[in-house]
C-alpha atoms as a PDB file:
ATOM      1  CA  UNK A   1       7.830 -25.419 -39.610  1.00  0.00           C
ATOM      2  CA  UNK A   2       7.036 -27.224 -36.681  1.00  0.00           C
ATOM      3  CA  UNK A   3      10.291 -27.891 -35.343  1.00  0.00           C
ATOM      4  CA  UNK A   4      11.338 -24.429 -36.438  1.00  0.00           C
ATOM      5  CA  UNK A   5       8.606 -23.062 -34.020  1.00  0.00           C
ATOM      6  CA  UNK A   6       9.419 -25.311 -31.369  1.00  0.00           C
ATOM      7  CA  UNK A   7      13.630 -24.227 -31.405  1.00  0.00           C
ATOM      8  CA  UNK A   8      12.257 -20.764 -30.307  1.00  0.00           C
ATOM      9  CA  UNK A   9      11.408 -22.253 -27.094  1.00  0.00           C
ATOM     10  CA  UNK A  10      13.588 -22.704 -24.521  1.00  0.00           C
ATOM     11  CA  UNK A  11      15.073 -25.901 -23.675  1.00  0.00           C
ATOM     12  CA  UNK A  12      12.842 -26.619 -20.711  1.00  0.00           C
ATOM     13  CA  UNK A  13       9.725 -25.792 -22.679  1.00  0.00           C
ATOM     14  CA  UNK A  14      10.753 -28.611 -25.384  1.00  0.00           C
ATOM     15  CA  UNK A  15       9.171 -31.685 -26.376  1.00  0.00           C
ATOM     16  CA  UNK A  16       9.676 -34.190 -23.959  1.00  0.00           C
ATOM     17  CA  UNK A  17      11.912 -36.003 -25.977  1.00  0.00           C
ATOM     18  CA  UNK A  18      14.538 -33.137 -25.482  1.00  0.00           C
ATOM     19  CA  UNK A  19      13.826 -32.625 -21.791  1.00  0.00           C
ATOM     20  CA  UNK A  20      13.944 -35.871 -19.813  1.00  0.00           C
ATOM     21  CA  UNK A  21      12.435 -34.354 -17.124  1.00  0.00           C
ATOM     22  CA  UNK A  22      10.021 -33.121 -18.761  1.00  0.00           C
ATOM     23  CA  UNK A  23       9.157 -36.138 -19.891  1.00  0.00           C
ATOM     24  CA  UNK A  24       8.900 -37.684 -16.283  1.00  0.00           C
ATOM     25  CA  UNK A  25       6.975 -34.787 -14.948  1.00  0.00           C
ATOM     26  CA  UNK A  26       4.214 -35.707 -18.022  1.00  0.00           C
ATOM     27  CA  UNK A  27       4.292 -39.290 -17.059  1.00  0.00           C
ATOM     28  CA  UNK A  28       3.310 -38.343 -13.523  1.00  0.00           C
ATOM     29  CA  UNK A  29       0.523 -36.334 -14.594  1.00  0.00           C
ATOM     30  CA  UNK A  30      -0.595 -38.659 -17.401  1.00  0.00           C
ATOM     31  CA  UNK A  31      -0.168 -41.465 -14.824  1.00  0.00           C
ATOM     32  CA  UNK A  32      -3.463 -39.741 -12.614  1.00  0.00           C
ATOM     33  CA  UNK A  33      -5.679 -38.307 -15.684  1.00  0.00           C
ATOM     34  CA  UNK A  34      -4.605 -39.623 -19.209  1.00  0.00           C
ATOM     35  CA  UNK A  35      -6.692 -39.142 -21.955  1.00  0.00           C
ATOM     36  CA  UNK A  36     -10.674 -40.639 -20.983  1.00  0.00           C
ATOM     37  CA  UNK A  37      -9.582 -39.604 -17.627  1.00  0.00           C
ATOM     38  CA  UNK A  38      -9.436 -35.807 -18.518  1.00  0.00           C
ATOM     39  CA  UNK A  39     -12.253 -36.350 -20.949  1.00  0.00           C
ATOM     40  CA  UNK A  40     -14.568 -37.195 -17.624  1.00  0.00           C
ATOM     41  CA  UNK A  41     -13.001 -34.994 -15.561  1.00  0.00           C
ATOM     42  CA  UNK A  42     -13.697 -31.907 -18.011  1.00  0.00           C
ATOM     43  CA  UNK A  43     -17.619 -33.185 -18.607  1.00  0.00           C
ATOM     44  CA  UNK A  44     -18.023 -33.682 -14.820  1.00  0.00           C
ATOM     45  CA  UNK A  45     -16.605 -29.647 -13.981  1.00  0.00           C
ATOM     46  CA  UNK A  46     -18.826 -28.355 -17.057  1.00  0.00           C
ATOM     47  CA  UNK A  47     -21.641 -30.328 -15.558  1.00  0.00           C
ATOM     48  CA  UNK A  48     -21.551 -29.501 -11.762  1.00  0.00           C
ATOM     49  CA  UNK A  49     -20.731 -25.543 -13.146  1.00  0.00           C
ATOM     50  CA  UNK A  50     -23.931 -25.705 -15.637  1.00  0.00           C
ATOM     51  CA  UNK A  51     -25.830 -26.555 -12.405  1.00  0.00           C
ATOM     52  CA  UNK A  52     -24.093 -24.198 -10.160  1.00  0.00           C
ATOM     53  CA  UNK A  53     -25.308 -21.715 -13.003  1.00  0.00           C
ATOM     54  CA  UNK A  54     -28.752 -22.622 -13.183  1.00  0.00           C
ATOM     55  CA  UNK A  55     -29.436 -22.721  -9.078  1.00  0.00           C
ATOM     56  CA  UNK A  56     -27.541 -19.488  -8.925  1.00  0.00           C
ATOM     57  CA  UNK A  57     -30.354 -18.237 -12.223  1.00  0.00           C
ATOM     58  CA  UNK A  58     -32.984 -19.943 -10.302  1.00  0.00           C
ATOM     59  CA  UNK A  59     -32.455 -18.720  -6.560  1.00  0.00           C
ATOM     60  CA  UNK A  60     -31.904 -15.190  -8.186  1.00  0.00           C
ATOM     61  CA  UNK A  61     -34.441 -14.813 -10.898  1.00  0.00           C
ATOM     62  CA  UNK A  62     -32.333 -13.887 -13.508  1.00  0.00           C
ATOM     63  CA  UNK A  63     -33.415 -16.042 -16.348  1.00  0.00           C
ATOM     64  CA  UNK A  64     -35.515 -13.289 -17.731  1.00  0.00           C
ATOM     65  CA  UNK A  65     -33.283 -10.198 -17.523  1.00  0.00           C
ATOM     66  CA  UNK A  66     -31.356  -9.141 -20.415  1.00  0.00           C
ATOM     67  CA  UNK A  67     -30.075 -10.793 -23.133  1.00  0.00           C
ATOM     68  CA  UNK A  68     -28.957 -14.010 -24.022  1.00  0.00           C
ATOM     69  CA  UNK A  69     -24.780 -13.372 -23.173  1.00  0.00           C
ATOM     70  CA  UNK A  70     -26.191 -11.127 -20.510  1.00  0.00           C
ATOM     71  CA  UNK A  71     -27.962 -14.133 -18.990  1.00  0.00           C
ATOM     72  CA  UNK A  72     -25.104 -16.692 -19.251  1.00  0.00           C
ATOM     73  CA  UNK A  73     -22.303 -13.868 -17.609  1.00  0.00           C
ATOM     74  CA  UNK A  74     -24.862 -13.474 -14.944  1.00  0.00           C
ATOM     75  CA  UNK A  75     -25.444 -17.049 -14.155  1.00  0.00           C
ATOM     76  CA  UNK A  76     -22.024 -18.505 -14.638  1.00  0.00           C
ATOM     77  CA  UNK A  77     -20.405 -15.736 -13.035  1.00  0.00           C
ATOM     78  CA  UNK A  78     -20.098 -16.918  -9.513  1.00  0.00           C
ATOM     79  CA  UNK A  79     -19.339 -20.508 -10.246  1.00  0.00           C
ATOM     80  CA  UNK A  80     -16.663 -19.278 -12.708  1.00  0.00           C
ATOM     81  CA  UNK A  81     -15.439 -17.773  -9.891  1.00  0.00           C
ATOM     82  CA  UNK A  82     -15.163 -20.427  -7.841  1.00  0.00           C
ATOM     83  CA  UNK A  83     -14.233 -22.861 -10.001  1.00  0.00           C
ATOM     84  CA  UNK A  84     -10.729 -20.480 -10.903  1.00  0.00           C
ATOM     85  CA  UNK A  85     -10.379 -19.280  -7.383  1.00  0.00           C
ATOM     86  CA  UNK A  86      -9.791 -23.311  -6.369  1.00  0.00           C
ATOM     87  CA  UNK A  87      -7.864 -23.988  -9.422  1.00  0.00           C
ATOM     88  CA  UNK A  88      -5.390 -20.963  -8.340  1.00  0.00           C
ATOM     89  CA  UNK A  89      -5.593 -22.902  -4.627  1.00  0.00           C
ATOM     90  CA  UNK A  90      -4.472 -26.103  -5.901  1.00  0.00           C
ATOM     91  CA  UNK A  91      -1.665 -24.279  -8.408  1.00  0.00           C
ATOM     92  CA  UNK A  92       0.008 -22.769  -5.190  1.00  0.00           C
ATOM     93  CA  UNK A  93      -0.299 -26.316  -3.358  1.00  0.00           C
ATOM     94  CA  UNK A  94       1.097 -28.603  -6.168  1.00  0.00           C
ATOM     95  CA  UNK A  95       3.812 -26.156  -6.454  1.00  0.00           C
ATOM     96  CA  UNK A  96       4.297 -26.016  -2.724  1.00  0.00           C
ATOM     97  CA  UNK A  97       4.678 -29.529  -2.630  1.00  0.00           C
ATOM     98  CA  UNK A  98       6.926 -30.148  -5.353  1.00  0.00           C
ATOM     99  CA  UNK A  99      10.565 -29.974  -3.826  1.00  0.00           C
ATOM    100  CA  UNK A 100       9.501 -31.999  -0.708  1.00  0.00           C
ATOM    101  CA  UNK A 101       8.226 -34.570  -2.215  1.00  0.00           C
ATOM    102  CA  UNK A 102      11.460 -35.012  -4.551  1.00  0.00           C
ATOM    103  CA  UNK A 103      13.757 -34.430  -1.176  1.00  0.00           C
ATOM    104  CA  UNK A 104      11.362 -37.251   0.480  1.00  0.00           C
ATOM    105  CA  UNK A 105      12.241 -39.790  -2.528  1.00  0.00           C
ATOM    106  CA  UNK A 106      15.726 -38.846  -1.860  1.00  0.00           C
ATOM    107  CA  UNK A 107      15.661 -37.667  -5.689  1.00  0.00           C
ATOM    108  CA  UNK A 108      16.419 -33.949  -5.311  1.00  0.00           C
ATOM    109  CA  UNK A 109      20.321 -33.690  -4.311  1.00  0.00           C
ATOM    110  CA  UNK A 110      20.380 -35.962  -7.553  1.00  0.00           C
ATOM    111  CA  UNK A 111      18.953 -33.408  -9.739  1.00  0.00           C
ATOM    112  CA  UNK A 112      20.787 -30.445  -8.120  1.00  0.00           C
ATOM    113  CA  UNK A 113      24.185 -32.600  -9.120  1.00  0.00           C
ATOM    114  CA  UNK A 114      23.592 -32.569 -12.846  1.00  0.00           C
ATOM    115  CA  UNK A 115      24.271 -29.157 -14.694  1.00  0.00           C
ATOM    116  CA  UNK A 116      21.032 -27.200 -14.143  1.00  0.00           C
ATOM    117  CA  UNK A 117      19.431 -30.252 -12.889  1.00  0.00           C
ATOM    118  CA  UNK A 118      17.733 -27.670 -10.238  1.00  0.00           C
ATOM    119  CA  UNK A 119      16.333 -25.181 -12.864  1.00  0.00           C
ATOM    120  CA  UNK A 120      15.335 -27.708 -15.591  1.00  0.00           C
ATOM    121  CA  UNK A 121      13.783 -29.840 -12.909  1.00  0.00           C
ATOM    122  CA  UNK A 122      11.840 -27.055 -11.267  1.00  0.00           C
ATOM    123  CA  UNK A 123      10.571 -25.733 -15.290  1.00  0.00           C
ATOM    124  CA  UNK A 124       8.985 -29.106 -15.869  1.00  0.00           C
ATOM    125  CA  UNK A 125       7.180 -29.114 -12.774  1.00  0.00           C
ATOM    126  CA  UNK A 126       5.992 -25.852 -13.762  1.00  0.00           C
ATOM    127  CA  UNK A 127       4.948 -27.129 -16.509  1.00  0.00           C
ATOM    128  CA  UNK A 128       3.770 -30.511 -15.150  1.00  0.00           C
ATOM    129  CA  UNK A 129       1.714 -28.649 -12.301  1.00  0.00           C
ATOM    130  CA  UNK A 130      -0.577 -26.742 -15.543  1.00  0.00           C
ATOM    131  CA  UNK A 131      -0.836 -30.239 -17.290  1.00  0.00           C
ATOM    132  CA  UNK A 132      -1.906 -31.862 -13.956  1.00  0.00           C
ATOM    133  CA  UNK A 133      -4.948 -28.881 -14.008  1.00  0.00           C
ATOM    134  CA  UNK A 134      -5.593 -29.172 -17.440  1.00  0.00           C
ATOM    135  CA  UNK A 135      -9.144 -30.067 -16.851  1.00  0.00           C
ATOM    136  CA  UNK A 136     -10.470 -26.825 -14.863  1.00  0.00           C
ATOM    137  CA  UNK A 137      -7.796 -24.450 -17.003  1.00  0.00           C
ATOM    138  CA  UNK A 138      -9.782 -25.931 -20.167  1.00  0.00           C
ATOM    139  CA  UNK A 139     -13.121 -25.758 -18.266  1.00  0.00           C
ATOM    140  CA  UNK A 140     -12.253 -21.802 -17.477  1.00  0.00           C
ATOM    141  CA  UNK A 141     -11.217 -21.094 -20.911  1.00  0.00           C
ATOM    142  CA  UNK A 142     -14.432 -22.897 -22.748  1.00  0.00           C
ATOM    143  CA  UNK A 143     -16.213 -20.174 -20.104  1.00  0.00           C
ATOM    144  CA  UNK A 144     -14.001 -17.239 -21.344  1.00  0.00           C
ATOM    145  CA  UNK A 145     -14.471 -18.106 -24.893  1.00  0.00           C
ATOM    146  CA  UNK A 146     -18.371 -18.758 -24.639  1.00  0.00           C
ATOM    147  CA  UNK A 147     -18.189 -15.078 -23.208  1.00  0.00           C
ATOM    148  CA  UNK A 148     -16.263 -13.811 -25.566  1.00  0.00           C
ATOM    149  CA  UNK A 149     -18.953 -15.464 -28.504  1.00  0.00           C
ATOM    150  CA  UNK A 150     -21.585 -13.636 -26.949  1.00  0.00           C
ATOM    151  CA  UNK A 151     -19.594 -10.237 -26.883  1.00  0.00           C
ATOM    152  CA  UNK A 152     -18.969 -10.953 -30.525  1.00  0.00           C
ATOM    153  CA  UNK A 153     -22.706 -11.390 -30.972  1.00  0.00           C
ATOM    154  CA  UNK A 154     -23.831  -8.386 -29.206  1.00  0.00           C
ATOM    155  CA  UNK A 155     -21.411  -6.445 -31.012  1.00  0.00           C
ATOM    156  CA  UNK A 156     -23.936  -6.766 -33.895  1.00  0.00           C
ATOM    157  CA  UNK A 157     -26.910  -5.708 -32.107  1.00  0.00           C
ATOM    158  CA  UNK A 158     -28.642  -2.814 -32.723  1.00  0.00           C
ATOM    159  CA  UNK A 159     -27.545  -2.763 -36.640  1.00  0.00           C
ATOM    160  CA  UNK A 160     -23.843  -2.543 -35.187  1.00  0.00           C
ATOM    161  CA  UNK A 161     -24.445   0.281 -33.519  1.00  0.00           C
ATOM    162  CA  UNK A 162     -24.089  -1.128 -29.562  1.00  0.00           C
ATOM    163  CA  UNK A 163     -20.317  -0.251 -29.682  1.00  0.00           C
ATOM    164  CA  UNK A 164     -21.192   3.554 -30.257  1.00  0.00           C
ATOM    165  CA  UNK A 165     -24.271   3.505 -27.457  1.00  0.00           C
ATOM    166  CA  UNK A 166     -21.332   1.856 -25.160  1.00  0.00           C
ATOM    167  CA  UNK A 167     -18.709   4.568 -26.435  1.00  0.00           C
ATOM    168  CA  UNK A 168     -21.575   7.544 -25.563  1.00  0.00           C
ATOM    169  CA  UNK A 169     -21.682   6.387 -21.960  1.00  0.00           C
ATOM    170  CA  UNK A 170     -17.757   7.128 -21.543  1.00  0.00           C
ATOM    171  CA  UNK A 171     -17.044  10.657 -23.162  1.00  0.00           C
ATOM    172  CA  UNK A 172     -13.136  10.076 -22.215  1.00  0.00           C
ATOM    173  CA  UNK A 173     -13.424   7.795 -25.380  1.00  0.00           C
ATOM    174  CA  UNK A 174     -14.472  10.110 -27.979  1.00  0.00           C
ATOM    175  CA  UNK A 175     -14.199   8.174 -30.888  1.00  0.00           C
ATOM    176  CA  UNK A 176     -16.772   5.004 -30.533  1.00  0.00           C
ATOM    177  CA  UNK A 177     -13.652   3.353 -32.842  1.00  0.00           C
ATOM    178  CA  UNK A 178     -11.640   3.832 -29.459  1.00  0.00           C
ATOM    179  CA  UNK A 179     -14.134   2.114 -27.272  1.00  0.00           C
ATOM    180  CA  UNK A 180     -14.087  -1.076 -29.849  1.00  0.00           C
ATOM    181  CA  UNK A 181     -10.586  -1.398 -29.489  1.00  0.00           C
ATOM    182  CA  UNK A 182     -10.973  -1.310 -25.694  1.00  0.00           C
ATOM    183  CA  UNK A 183     -13.612  -4.042 -26.298  1.00  0.00           C
ATOM    184  CA  UNK A 184     -10.891  -5.917 -28.392  1.00  0.00           C
ATOM    185  CA  UNK A 185      -8.396  -5.880 -25.470  1.00  0.00           C
ATOM    186  CA  UNK A 186     -10.926  -6.414 -22.476  1.00  0.00           C
ATOM    187  CA  UNK A 187     -11.638  -9.927 -24.487  1.00  0.00           C
ATOM    188  CA  UNK A 188      -7.981 -10.978 -25.150  1.00  0.00           C
ATOM    189  CA  UNK A 189      -7.316 -10.178 -22.173  1.00  0.00           C
ATOM    190  CA  UNK A 190     -10.573 -12.021 -20.600  1.00  0.00           C
ATOM    191  CA  UNK A 191      -8.597 -15.242 -22.269  1.00  0.00           C
ATOM    192  CA  UNK A 192      -4.783 -14.440 -21.441  1.00  0.00           C
ATOM    193  CA  UNK A 193      -5.579 -13.857 -17.539  1.00  0.00           C
ATOM    194  CA  UNK A 194      -6.382 -17.228 -16.078  1.00  0.00           C
ATOM    195  CA  UNK A 195      -3.420 -18.815 -17.635  1.00  0.00           C
ATOM    196  CA  UNK A 196      -0.835 -15.811 -15.970  1.00  0.00           C
ATOM    197  CA  UNK A 197      -2.515 -16.256 -12.729  1.00  0.00           C
ATOM    198  CA  UNK A 198      -2.571 -20.469 -12.332  1.00  0.00           C
ATOM    199  CA  UNK A 199       0.808 -20.235 -13.721  1.00  0.00           C
ATOM    200  CA  UNK A 200       2.165 -17.366 -11.218  1.00  0.00           C
ATOM    201  CA  UNK A 201       0.269 -19.918  -8.281  1.00  0.00           C
ATOM    202  CA  UNK A 202       2.133 -22.287  -9.078  1.00  0.00           C
ATOM    203  CA  UNK A 203       5.401 -20.444  -9.516  1.00  0.00           C
ATOM    204  CA  UNK A 204       4.713 -19.188  -6.157  1.00  0.00           C
ATOM    205  CA  UNK A 205       4.391 -22.807  -4.702  1.00  0.00           C
ATOM    206  CA  UNK A 206       7.448 -23.714  -6.488  1.00  0.00           C
ATOM    207  CA  UNK A 207       9.488 -20.151  -4.708  1.00  0.00           C
ATOM    208  CA  UNK A 208       8.123 -21.915  -1.395  1.00  0.00           C
ATOM    209  CA  UNK A 209       8.847 -25.587  -1.728  1.00  0.00           C
ATOM    210  CA  UNK A 210      12.609 -24.096  -2.217  1.00  0.00           C
ATOM    211  CA  UNK A 211      13.153 -21.328   0.062  1.00  0.00           C
ATOM    212  CA  UNK A 212      10.908 -22.736   2.987  1.00  0.00           C
ATOM    213  CA  UNK A 213      12.161 -26.251   4.162  1.00  0.00           C
ATOM    214  CA  UNK A 214       9.789 -26.775   7.568  1.00  0.00           C
ATOM    215  CA  UNK A 215       6.490 -28.201   6.785  1.00  0.00           C
ATOM    216  CA  UNK A 216       4.551 -26.881   9.269  1.00  0.00           C
ATOM    217  CA  UNK A 217       6.380 -23.087   8.222  1.00  0.00           C
ATOM    218  CA  UNK A 218       5.243 -23.931   4.825  1.00  0.00           C
ATOM    219  CA  UNK A 219       1.613 -24.883   5.510  1.00  0.00           C
ATOM    220  CA  UNK A 220       0.763 -21.961   7.552  1.00  0.00           C
ATOM    221  CA  UNK A 221       2.523 -19.468   4.700  1.00  0.00           C
ATOM    222  CA  UNK A 222       0.085 -21.445   2.446  1.00  0.00           C
ATOM    223  CA  UNK A 223      -2.631 -20.973   4.786  1.00  0.00           C
ATOM    224  CA  UNK A 224      -2.047 -17.534   4.868  1.00  0.00           C
ATOM    225  CA  UNK A 225      -1.833 -17.217   1.367  1.00  0.00           C
ATOM    226  CA  UNK A 226      -5.279 -18.862   0.743  1.00  0.00           C
ATOM    227  CA  UNK A 227      -7.006 -16.891   3.178  1.00  0.00           C
ATOM    228  CA  UNK A 228      -5.597 -13.631   1.583  1.00  0.00           C
ATOM    229  CA  UNK A 229      -6.665 -14.138  -1.582  1.00  0.00           C
ATOM    230  CA  UNK A 230     -10.517 -15.399  -0.054  1.00  0.00           C
ATOM    231  CA  UNK A 231     -10.569 -12.416   1.560  1.00  0.00           C
ATOM    232  CA  UNK A 232      -9.500 -10.138  -1.562  1.00  0.00           C
ATOM    233  CA  UNK A 233     -12.049 -11.850  -3.744  1.00  0.00           C
ATOM    234  CA  UNK A 234     -15.018 -11.627  -1.482  1.00  0.00           C
ATOM    235  CA  UNK A 235     -14.038  -7.722  -0.137  1.00  0.00           C
ATOM    236  CA  UNK A 236     -13.575  -6.531  -3.775  1.00  0.00           C
ATOM    237  CA  UNK A 237     -16.363  -8.163  -5.301  1.00  0.00           C
ATOM    238  CA  UNK A 238     -18.539  -6.497  -2.751  1.00  0.00           C
ATOM    239  CA  UNK A 239     -16.989  -2.913  -2.977  1.00  0.00           C
ATOM    240  CA  UNK A 240     -17.308  -3.376  -6.915  1.00  0.00           C
ATOM    241  CA  UNK A 241     -20.516  -4.722  -6.756  1.00  0.00           C
ATOM    242  CA  UNK A 242     -21.495  -1.507  -4.746  1.00  0.00           C
ATOM    243  CA  UNK A 243     -19.851   0.861  -6.709  1.00  0.00           C
ATOM    244  CA  UNK A 244     -21.431  -0.004 -10.255  1.00  0.00           C
ATOM    245  CA  UNK A 245     -24.708  -0.611  -8.637  1.00  0.00           C
ATOM    246  CA  UNK A 246     -24.076   3.049  -6.884  1.00  0.00           C
ATOM    247  CA  UNK A 247     -24.613   1.991  -3.052  1.00  0.00           C
ATOM    248  CA  UNK A 248     -20.712   2.983  -1.776  1.00  0.00           C
ATOM    249  CA  UNK A 249     -19.393   6.211  -2.742  1.00  0.00           C
ATOM    250  CA  UNK A 250     -15.960   6.908  -2.594  1.00  0.00           C
ATOM    251  CA  UNK A 251     -13.439   9.181  -3.860  1.00  0.00           C
ATOM    252  CA  UNK A 252     -12.480   8.797  -7.924  1.00  0.00           C
ATOM    253  CA  UNK A 253      -8.848   7.188  -7.343  1.00  0.00           C
ATOM    254  CA  UNK A 254     -10.429   5.163  -4.715  1.00  0.00           C
ATOM    255  CA  UNK A 255     -12.600   3.587  -7.508  1.00  0.00           C
ATOM    256  CA  UNK A 256     -10.555   3.516  -9.660  1.00  0.00           C
ATOM    257  CA  UNK A 257      -7.880   1.460  -8.378  1.00  0.00           C
ATOM    258  CA  UNK A 258     -10.369  -0.925  -6.554  1.00  0.00           C
ATOM    259  CA  UNK A 259     -11.769  -1.931  -9.918  1.00  0.00           C
ATOM    260  CA  UNK A 260      -8.853  -1.954 -11.510  1.00  0.00           C
ATOM    261  CA  UNK A 261      -7.510  -4.525  -8.607  1.00  0.00           C
ATOM    262  CA  UNK A 262     -10.908  -6.869  -9.026  1.00  0.00           C
ATOM    263  CA  UNK A 263     -10.653  -7.368 -11.983  1.00  0.00           C
ATOM    264  CA  UNK A 264      -6.830  -8.404 -12.287  1.00  0.00           C
ATOM    265  CA  UNK A 265      -6.601 -10.340  -9.251  1.00  0.00           C
ATOM    266  CA  UNK A 266      -9.675 -11.099  -8.036  1.00  0.00           C
ATOM    267  CA  UNK A 267     -12.316 -12.028 -11.064  1.00  0.00           C
ATOM    268  CA  UNK A 268      -9.576 -12.038 -13.502  1.00  0.00           C
ATOM    269  CA  UNK A 269     -11.153  -9.977 -16.018  1.00  0.00           C
ATOM    270  CA  UNK A 270     -14.455 -11.575 -16.015  1.00  0.00           C
ATOM    271  CA  UNK A 271     -16.228  -8.018 -14.998  1.00  0.00           C
ATOM    272  CA  UNK A 272     -15.201  -6.862 -18.462  1.00  0.00           C
ATOM    273  CA  UNK A 273     -15.629 -10.038 -20.368  1.00  0.00           C
ATOM    274  CA  UNK A 274     -19.394  -9.198 -20.858  1.00  0.00           C
ATOM    275  CA  UNK A 275     -20.137  -6.065 -22.751  1.00  0.00           C
ATOM    276  CA  UNK A 276     -23.052  -4.677 -20.371  1.00  0.00           C
ATOM    277  CA  UNK A 277     -21.041  -4.902 -17.718  1.00  0.00           C
ATOM    278  CA  UNK A 278     -17.843  -3.116 -19.097  1.00  0.00           C
ATOM    279  CA  UNK A 279     -20.019  -0.372 -20.475  1.00  0.00           C
ATOM    280  CA  UNK A 280     -21.586   0.163 -16.551  1.00  0.00           C
ATOM    281  CA  UNK A 281     -17.435   0.130 -15.405  1.00  0.00           C
ATOM    282  CA  UNK A 282     -17.156   3.205 -18.456  1.00  0.00           C
ATOM    283  CA  UNK A 283     -20.048   5.003 -17.081  1.00  0.00           C
ATOM    284  CA  UNK A 284     -19.727   4.558 -13.497  1.00  0.00           C
ATOM    285  CA  UNK A 285     -16.289   4.382 -12.911  1.00  0.00           C
ATOM    286  CA  UNK A 286     -14.253   7.487 -13.153  1.00  0.00           C
ATOM    287  CA  UNK A 287     -11.165   7.185 -15.738  1.00  0.00           C
ATOM    288  CA  UNK A 288     -12.978   3.175 -16.318  1.00  0.00           C
ATOM    289  CA  UNK A 289     -11.937   3.475 -19.916  1.00  0.00           C
ATOM    290  CA  UNK A 290      -8.436   3.695 -18.907  1.00  0.00           C
ATOM    291  CA  UNK A 291      -9.041   0.368 -16.650  1.00  0.00           C
ATOM    292  CA  UNK A 292      -8.375  -2.095 -19.514  1.00  0.00           C
ATOM    293  CA  UNK A 293      -4.713  -0.495 -20.914  1.00  0.00           C
ATOM    294  CA  UNK A 294      -3.944  -0.719 -17.294  1.00  0.00           C
ATOM    295  CA  UNK A 295      -5.141  -4.138 -16.694  1.00  0.00           C
ATOM    296  CA  UNK A 296      -3.186  -5.139 -19.998  1.00  0.00           C
ATOM    297  CA  UNK A 297       0.327  -3.767 -17.889  1.00  0.00           C
ATOM    298  CA  UNK A 298      -0.718  -5.499 -14.782  1.00  0.00           C
ATOM    299  CA  UNK A 299      -0.726  -8.388 -17.162  1.00  0.00           C
ATOM    300  CA  UNK A 300       2.915  -8.283 -18.494  1.00  0.00           C
ATOM    301  CA  UNK A 301       3.832  -7.222 -15.141  1.00  0.00           C
ATOM    302  CA  UNK A 302       2.774 -10.569 -13.206  1.00  0.00           C
ATOM    303  CA  UNK A 303       4.050 -12.783 -15.994  1.00  0.00           C
ATOM    304  CA  UNK A 304       7.023 -10.886 -15.287  1.00  0.00           C
ATOM    305  CA  UNK A 305       7.284 -11.467 -11.591  1.00  0.00           C
ATOM    306  CA  UNK A 306       6.340 -15.185 -11.937  1.00  0.00           C
ATOM    307  CA  UNK A 307       9.060 -15.435 -14.555  1.00  0.00           C
ATOM    308  CA  UNK A 308      11.585 -13.780 -12.114  1.00  0.00           C
ATOM    309  CA  UNK A 309      10.173 -15.954  -9.311  1.00  0.00           C
ATOM    310  CA  UNK A 310      10.998 -18.760 -11.190  1.00  0.00           C
ATOM    311  CA  UNK A 311      14.365 -17.771 -11.762  1.00  0.00           C
ATOM    312  CA  UNK A 312      14.940 -17.024  -8.249  1.00  0.00           C
ATOM    313  CA  UNK A 313      13.748 -20.206  -6.813  1.00  0.00           C
ATOM    314  CA  UNK A 314      16.331 -21.736  -9.663  1.00  0.00           C
ATOM    315  CA  UNK A 315      19.421 -20.483  -8.339  1.00  0.00           C
ATOM    316  CA  UNK A 316      18.432 -20.171  -4.629  1.00  0.00           C
ATOM    317  CA  UNK A 317      17.784 -24.282  -5.057  1.00  0.00           C
ATOM    318  CA  UNK A 318      21.129 -24.534  -6.958  1.00  0.00           C
ATOM    319  CA  UNK A 319      23.106 -23.188  -4.232  1.00  0.00           C
ATOM    320  CA  UNK A 320      21.438 -24.075  -0.931  1.00  0.00           C
ATOM    321  CA  UNK A 321      19.256 -27.454  -2.058  1.00  0.00           C
END
């Protein structure tokens, strides 16, 4: 069964034995953080996240407000947002340095000389970046799983009528069963978005490494992209919070687009990962119930865009080197 499933994968994504370039990339990553190193990294990250969440909760007196899942979400929100932003930046930087490092070792032309060598090398390097970042990715996913578990516990609150209470705040739903489906979609998206965002950052970095040869130009572009991401996260998070708390009044379409953009590319769905905040979006934002389906469409487009970037980078590397 496992061999049949493996055969469904593209050649570059199969086991290292069938892809020597992938074996090479994973061997390099294992040399940096193998086995016990990964466990230590993950434990350190989780400890730092726990300390940051406790400090944040204490500083803003969040310990005694809301149920357990709400307390966890409020305490972990900004530490998790910081961790995933840093992970996105690291994926971009690792990708942008990939081809330059191969050129510096005089191995890039040898890879290009083999059949589909550049393509296989870039795909293997993309997987290698994700493997290198497996500790922060695992920490991010554990936080998401914890929030998903909290949402499942909340669904049983008030004798199982919590979904009906949330749905009643959004007349556009029409039926609480639709609200339940949207909650399930939001939880699924919250688990998928980190992988797509980090994979997209790695693909963007690899595209820059192929298309921009000058180190100065590449560094400037990376700085601009990181600055734009940081500015977007800060500004959109402030705007989304002000909208949900009634401090910022915008046209209905602008409110919807701001919350959608922030959930898609700002906090990667963290805003919709807790039922209380999801209900607030439904209640405050016009047509807020349509944010999760739109989020799913944008996630699919982003995955296709990342794959398109990789394909374009492969063609450029095979032609230009």
